[in-house]
Amino acid sequence: MTALPHARHRRSLIALAGIAALVGPLVAVAAPATAAPLGGPVAAVVAAQGSGPERDFSGDGIDDTLAISESGDLLMYRATGSGSLTGGVRIGTGWSGFDRAFVPGDFTGDGRADVMAINAAGDLFVYPGNGTGGWLAPYQAGRGWQGFISVFGAGDLNSDGAPDVAARDPQGQLLFYPGNGRGGWLTPRVIGTGFADFQHVVGAGDLDFDGRADVVSTPSANDEGQTIACGYDLHLYSGTGNGSLRNSGAIGSGWCTFTAVTGGDRVLIARDPSGVLWRYVRTGPSSWTTGNAIGSGFNSVRLVG
């Protein structure tokens, strides 16, 4: 595992940059429907002070949880700050047409959290949040993104004040797509190799408390479907502040059984095989809060990463 590009990957980087062409706003897509109340599990995710993806969509200063239902509804579980969430609220429809959806933070630079979504054709769309649980006009911000294993909000990896995006390709390269702070992109580059075999790779803010955004990974499954090395298996890749990473070793154990992991600002939310959500908050350079079960029934929805 390395957090730096190998020379042999330069050619594939050039090819991938051509495939995942970064374009300005091209087309608008239909805005999601007006919110309608729905039932659902409860959770509370209080925002920490780090540099991870901002997830407050309701404008109350507390991170919210987003999920996509089997029928394609985009649901927001609004945190109350007291250990529970209000019932899930539908803030969009037709999201089953997206293969991936994730939260980059405030990508457009207007002070409000946004969502990105990728369809089967590889078109990348930005849904700017309006700060009150709704949306401004969405736009297309890229194409050719269908070939990645995963795409996620990486926080501010290059310390320029703008949130960034990272993506894993099938060869295991980790590509860094820096945001320009205005809803567009700066030049992408490879910042790591050997990431293909992980089940989850997410940004979760400044986990080592050095003032720089970091990335974590959890192990994948082998050919028999069994997870590998379920020990100290939550690995930290510390950000250097200039868009690169260094392997800082394990910072947690028992993570190989989780079926989904999302990152916020020094917060990780993980779903176990029974559909229970667990919340972990990083409280210091080497400490976590005890994991809290914050909701159940999440096997029937797809978490927005």
Protein backbone atom coordinates (compact mmCIF):
# COMPACT_ATOMS: atom_id res chain seq x y z
CA MET A 1 0.00 0.00 0.00
CA THR A 2 1.26 3.44 -0.84
CA ALA A 3 -0.21 6.89 -0.65
CA LEU A 4 1.91 8.12 -3.56
CA PRO A 5 1.55 7.42 -7.32
CA HIS A 6 3.92 4.95 -8.94
CA ALA A 7 5.55 5.83 -12.24
CA ARG A 8 3.87 2.89 -13.92
CA HIS A 9 0.49 4.48 -13.26
CA ARG A 10 1.17 7.75 -15.07
CA ARG A 11 -0.18 6.49 -18.38
CA SER A 12 -3.40 5.22 -16.79
CA LEU A 13 -3.80 8.55 -14.98
CA ILE A 14 -3.67 10.40 -18.30
CA ALA A 15 -6.22 8.01 -19.80
CA LEU A 16 -8.51 8.25 -16.80
CA ALA A 17 -8.36 12.02 -16.81
CA GLY A 18 -9.62 11.89 -20.38
CA ILE A 19 -12.40 9.46 -19.51
CA ALA A 20 -13.61 11.33 -16.45
CA ALA A 21 -13.64 14.67 -18.26
CA LEU A 22 -14.21 17.53 -15.88
CA VAL A 23 -16.62 19.98 -17.44
CA GLY A 24 -18.46 23.05 -16.28
CA PRO A 25 -22.22 23.20 -15.83
CA LEU A 26 -23.76 21.79 -18.99
CA VAL A 27 -27.34 20.72 -18.46
CA ALA A 28 -29.94 21.02 -15.75
CA VAL A 29 -31.91 18.03 -14.54
CA ALA A 30 -35.33 18.00 -12.96
CA ALA A 31 -35.35 19.27 -9.40
CA PRO A 32 -36.55 16.85 -6.70
CA ALA A 33 -40.14 16.98 -5.54
CA THR A 34 -41.46 19.01 -2.65
CA ALA A 35 -40.74 17.42 0.73
CA ALA A 36 -43.34 15.07 2.17
CA PRO A 37 -43.19 13.43 5.62
CA LEU A 38 -42.31 9.79 5.86
CA GLY A 39 -41.65 7.41 8.73
CA GLY A 40 -38.24 5.92 9.38
CA PRO A 41 -35.43 5.14 11.82
CA VAL A 42 -34.01 7.80 14.08
CA ALA A 43 -30.45 9.00 14.57
CA ALA A 44 -28.44 11.97 15.80
CA VAL A 45 -25.16 13.15 14.30
CA VAL A 46 -23.70 16.29 15.87
CA ALA A 47 -21.22 18.15 13.69
CA ALA A 48 -17.63 18.29 14.97
CA GLN A 49 -14.96 20.86 14.18
CA GLY A 50 -12.76 19.25 11.56
CA SER A 51 -12.39 19.43 7.79
CA GLY A 52 -14.66 16.62 6.63
CA PRO A 53 -17.75 16.81 4.42
CA GLU A 54 -20.44 19.16 5.76
CA ARG A 55 -23.75 17.25 6.15
CA ASP A 56 -26.14 19.82 7.60
CA PHE A 57 -28.90 20.03 5.01
CA SER A 58 -31.63 21.47 7.24
CA GLY A 59 -29.65 24.54 8.33
CA ASP A 60 -29.77 23.91 12.08
CA GLY A 61 -26.02 23.37 12.50
CA ILE A 62 -26.36 19.61 13.11
CA ASP A 63 -25.40 16.94 10.56
CA ASP A 64 -28.25 15.04 8.92
CA THR A 65 -28.39 11.53 7.44
CA LEU A 66 -29.51 10.97 3.84
CA ALA A 67 -30.68 7.71 2.29
CA ILE A 68 -32.33 6.48 -0.90
CA SER A 69 -35.35 4.20 -0.56
CA GLU A 70 -36.09 1.18 -2.74
CA SER A 71 -38.65 3.28 -4.64
CA GLY A 72 -36.06 5.97 -5.38
CA ASP A 73 -37.09 8.57 -2.80
CA LEU A 74 -34.29 10.64 -1.32
CA LEU A 75 -34.88 10.78 2.43
CA MET A 76 -33.45 13.18 4.99
CA TYR A 77 -33.29 12.12 8.65
CA ARG A 78 -32.93 15.42 10.43
CA ALA A 79 -30.96 15.41 13.66
CA THR A 80 -32.48 17.09 16.69
CA GLY A 81 -29.30 17.28 18.74
CA SER A 82 -30.91 15.38 21.62
CA GLY A 83 -30.17 11.81 20.55
CA SER A 84 -32.91 11.33 17.98
CA LEU A 85 -34.05 12.36 14.52
CA THR A 86 -37.35 13.51 13.22
CA GLY A 87 -39.01 11.00 10.89
CA GLY A 88 -37.52 10.62 7.44
CA VAL A 89 -38.62 13.38 5.06
CA ARG A 90 -38.72 12.94 1.30
CA ILE A 91 -36.59 15.65 -0.28
CA GLY A 92 -36.34 14.11 -3.75
CA THR A 93 -37.77 11.47 -6.06
CA GLY A 94 -36.35 9.46 -8.95
CA TRP A 95 -33.01 8.82 -7.30
CA SER A 96 -33.06 5.11 -8.18
CA GLY A 97 -31.65 6.22 -11.53
CA PHE A 98 -28.37 7.09 -9.84
CA ASP A 99 -25.80 4.35 -9.27
CA ARG A 100 -23.97 6.44 -6.68
CA ALA A 101 -24.80 9.41 -4.50
CA PHE A 102 -22.54 11.07 -1.95
CA VAL A 103 -22.05 14.26 0.04
CA PRO A 104 -19.02 16.39 -0.91
CA GLY A 105 -19.87 19.17 1.56
CA ASP A 106 -20.32 22.76 0.36
CA PHE A 107 -19.09 22.19 -3.18
CA THR A 108 -20.63 25.35 -4.64
CA GLY A 109 -19.19 27.67 -2.01
CA ASP A 110 -22.47 29.23 -0.84
CA GLY A 111 -22.22 27.95 2.73
CA ARG A 112 -24.69 25.08 2.27
CA ALA A 113 -24.15 21.33 1.98
CA ASP A 114 -24.62 19.76 -1.46
CA VAL A 115 -25.11 16.28 -2.92
CA MET A 116 -23.45 14.69 -5.94
CA ALA A 117 -24.96 11.81 -7.91
CA ILE A 118 -23.70 9.64 -10.79
CA ASN A 119 -26.02 7.91 -13.26
CA ALA A 120 -25.40 4.68 -15.20
CA ALA A 121 -23.93 6.61 -18.13
CA GLY A 122 -21.30 8.13 -15.85
CA ASP A 123 -22.71 11.65 -15.78
CA LEU A 124 -21.94 13.47 -12.54
CA PHE A 125 -24.56 15.93 -11.25
CA VAL A 126 -24.40 18.45 -8.43
CA TYR A 127 -27.53 19.11 -6.36
CA PRO A 128 -26.84 22.33 -4.45
CA GLY A 129 -28.60 22.43 -1.11
CA ASN A 130 -30.68 25.51 -0.23
CA GLY A 131 -29.92 25.25 3.50
CA THR A 132 -33.47 24.38 4.52
CA GLY A 133 -33.78 20.78 3.32
CA GLY A 134 -34.40 21.60 -0.33
CA TRP A 135 -32.48 22.25 -3.50
CA LEU A 136 -31.31 24.93 -5.87
CA ALA A 137 -31.04 24.21 -9.60
CA PRO A 138 -28.90 21.09 -10.19
CA TYR A 139 -26.27 20.93 -12.93
CA GLN A 140 -23.90 18.50 -14.58
CA ALA A 141 -20.29 18.74 -13.40
CA GLY A 142 -18.60 15.81 -15.14
CA ARG A 143 -18.88 12.73 -17.32
CA GLY A 144 -17.13 9.36 -17.54
CA TRP A 145 -17.46 8.59 -13.81
CA GLN A 146 -19.08 5.15 -14.27
CA GLY A 147 -15.78 3.23 -14.14
CA PHE A 148 -14.92 3.93 -10.52
CA ILE A 149 -15.26 1.42 -7.66
CA SER A 150 -16.33 4.22 -5.34
CA VAL A 151 -16.48 8.01 -5.21
CA PHE A 152 -16.67 10.01 -1.98
CA GLY A 153 -16.43 13.43 -0.44
CA ALA A 154 -12.86 13.70 0.84
CA GLY A 155 -13.12 16.94 2.79
CA ASP A 156 -10.55 19.68 2.16
CA LEU A 157 -7.48 17.60 1.32
CA ASN A 158 -5.36 20.42 -0.09
CA SER A 159 -6.20 23.00 2.62
CA ASP A 160 -7.47 25.65 0.20
CA GLY A 161 -10.82 26.02 1.94
CA ALA A 162 -12.79 24.15 -0.73
CA PRO A 163 -14.13 20.58 -0.37
CA ASP A 164 -12.67 17.91 -2.62
CA VAL A 165 -13.70 14.55 -4.07
CA ALA A 166 -11.75 11.29 -4.32
CA ALA A 167 -12.40 8.19 -6.43
CA ARG A 168 -11.05 4.63 -6.62
CA ASP A 169 -10.54 2.99 -10.00
CA PRO A 170 -10.49 -0.79 -10.68
CA GLN A 171 -6.68 -0.78 -10.72
CA GLY A 172 -6.68 0.45 -7.13
CA GLN A 173 -5.58 4.00 -7.82
CA LEU A 174 -6.98 6.71 -5.58
CA LEU A 175 -7.61 9.84 -7.60
CA PHE A 176 -7.91 13.31 -6.09
CA TYR A 177 -10.37 15.74 -7.68
CA PRO A 178 -9.88 19.14 -5.99
CA GLY A 179 -12.88 21.45 -5.92
CA ASN A 180 -12.37 25.08 -6.87
CA GLY A 181 -14.81 26.37 -4.25
CA ARG A 182 -17.26 27.61 -6.88
CA GLY A 183 -18.91 24.39 -8.02
CA GLY A 184 -16.17 23.29 -10.40
CA TRP A 185 -12.80 21.56 -10.49
CA LEU A 186 -9.08 22.04 -10.44
CA THR A 187 -6.67 19.55 -12.06
CA PRO A 188 -7.03 15.95 -10.78
CA ARG A 189 -4.17 13.59 -9.99
CA VAL A 190 -3.39 10.20 -8.48
CA ILE A 191 -2.57 10.31 -4.75
CA GLY A 192 -2.47 6.59 -3.91
CA THR A 193 -2.34 3.03 -5.20
CA GLY A 194 -3.41 -0.34 -3.83
CA PHE A 195 -6.91 0.78 -2.80
CA ALA A 196 -8.91 -1.72 -4.90
CA ASP A 197 -9.33 -4.39 -2.22
CA PHE A 198 -10.94 -2.21 0.43
CA GLN A 199 -14.66 -2.45 1.06
CA HIS A 200 -15.04 1.17 2.16
CA VAL A 201 -12.84 4.24 1.72
CA VAL A 202 -14.28 7.51 3.05
CA GLY A 203 -13.29 10.98 4.15
CA ALA A 204 -14.02 11.81 7.78
CA GLY A 205 -12.27 15.09 8.51
CA ASP A 206 -9.26 15.64 10.74
CA LEU A 207 -9.07 12.36 12.66
CA ASP A 208 -5.49 12.77 13.91
CA PHE A 209 -6.08 16.35 15.08
CA ASP A 210 -3.25 17.89 13.08
CA GLY A 211 -5.52 20.37 11.29
CA ARG A 212 -5.69 18.43 8.00
CA ALA A 213 -8.42 16.28 6.43
CA ASP A 214 -7.85 12.50 6.48
CA VAL A 215 -9.20 9.34 4.81
CA VAL A 216 -10.01 5.94 6.35
CA SER A 217 -10.51 2.46 4.90
CA THR A 218 -12.03 -0.85 5.96
CA PRO A 219 -11.24 -4.32 4.52
CA SER A 220 -13.17 -6.05 1.77
CA ALA A 221 -14.33 -9.67 1.40
CA ASN A 222 -12.43 -12.56 -0.14
CA ASP A 223 -13.66 -14.87 -2.91
CA GLU A 224 -15.68 -16.95 -0.45
CA GLY A 225 -17.51 -13.87 0.76
CA GLN A 226 -15.80 -13.88 4.15
CA THR A 227 -14.21 -10.70 5.47
CA ILE A 228 -10.45 -10.58 5.81
CA ALA A 229 -8.46 -9.85 8.97
CA CYS A 230 -11.24 -8.62 11.23
CA GLY A 231 -8.90 -7.18 13.84
CA TYR A 232 -7.37 -3.72 13.83
CA ASP A 233 -8.94 -3.07 10.46
CA LEU A 234 -9.93 0.61 10.38
CA HIS A 235 -6.92 2.25 8.75
CA LEU A 236 -6.06 5.93 8.75
CA TYR A 237 -4.47 7.75 5.82
CA SER A 238 -3.43 11.10 7.22
CA GLY A 239 -3.69 14.11 4.97
CA THR A 240 -0.59 16.22 4.51
CA GLY A 241 -2.52 19.37 3.67
CA ASN A 242 -1.31 19.49 0.07
CA GLY A 243 -3.60 16.87 -1.45
CA SER A 244 -1.52 13.81 -0.60
CA LEU A 245 -1.81 11.09 2.06
CA ARG A 246 0.42 8.99 4.28
CA ASN A 247 -0.41 5.62 5.83
CA SER A 248 -0.76 6.14 9.58
CA GLY A 249 -1.82 2.61 10.52
CA ALA A 250 -4.86 1.20 12.29
CA ILE A 251 -7.10 3.38 14.47
CA GLY A 252 -9.95 0.93 15.11
CA SER A 253 -10.94 -2.73 15.18
CA GLY A 254 -13.97 -4.82 14.29
CA TRP A 255 -14.97 -2.78 11.24
CA CYS A 256 -14.87 -5.63 8.73
CA THR A 257 -18.49 -6.62 9.39
CA PHE A 258 -20.07 -3.28 8.48
CA THR A 259 -21.95 -3.18 5.18
CA ALA A 260 -21.84 0.60 4.75
CA VAL A 261 -19.69 3.40 6.19
CA THR A 262 -20.11 7.14 5.72
CA GLY A 263 -17.91 9.96 6.96
CA GLY A 264 -18.57 13.46 8.26
CA ASP A 265 -16.56 15.87 10.39
CA ARG A 266 -14.66 13.55 12.77
CA VAL A 267 -17.73 11.28 12.69
CA LEU A 268 -18.20 7.82 11.16
CA ILE A 269 -21.62 6.23 10.67
CA ALA A 270 -21.60 2.47 10.02
CA ARG A 271 -24.37 -0.01 9.20
CA ASP A 272 -24.13 -3.57 10.51
CA PRO A 273 -25.53 -6.63 8.69
CA SER A 274 -28.81 -6.44 10.61
CA GLY A 275 -29.47 -2.86 9.43
CA VAL A 276 -28.54 -1.10 12.67
CA LEU A 277 -26.66 2.20 12.34
CA TRP A 278 -23.77 2.90 14.70
CA ARG A 279 -22.22 6.32 15.34
CA TYR A 280 -18.57 6.88 16.28
CA VAL A 281 -17.09 10.29 17.09
CA ARG A 282 -13.35 10.94 17.11
CA THR A 283 -12.56 12.81 20.34
CA GLY A 284 -8.76 13.04 20.14
CA PRO A 285 -5.70 11.92 18.16
CA SER A 286 -6.11 8.35 19.48
CA SER A 287 -9.59 8.16 20.99
CA TRP A 288 -13.21 7.51 20.00
CA THR A 289 -16.51 7.67 21.79
CA THR A 290 -18.07 4.28 22.43
CA GLY A 291 -20.13 3.27 19.41
CA ASN A 292 -23.82 4.10 19.84
CA ALA A 293 -26.66 2.33 18.05
CA ILE A 294 -28.63 5.24 16.56
CA GLY A 295 -31.17 3.59 14.28
CA SER A 296 -32.46 0.35 12.84
CA GLY A 297 -34.14 -0.80 9.64
CA PHE A 298 -31.51 0.72 7.38
CA ASN A 299 -31.08 -2.43 5.29
CA SER A 300 -34.08 -1.29 3.27
CA VAL A 301 -32.41 1.97 2.17
CA ARG A 302 -29.15 2.95 0.50
CA LEU A 303 -27.10 5.39 2.54
CA VAL A 304 -25.86 8.48 0.72
CA GLY A 305 -22.10 8.29 1.30
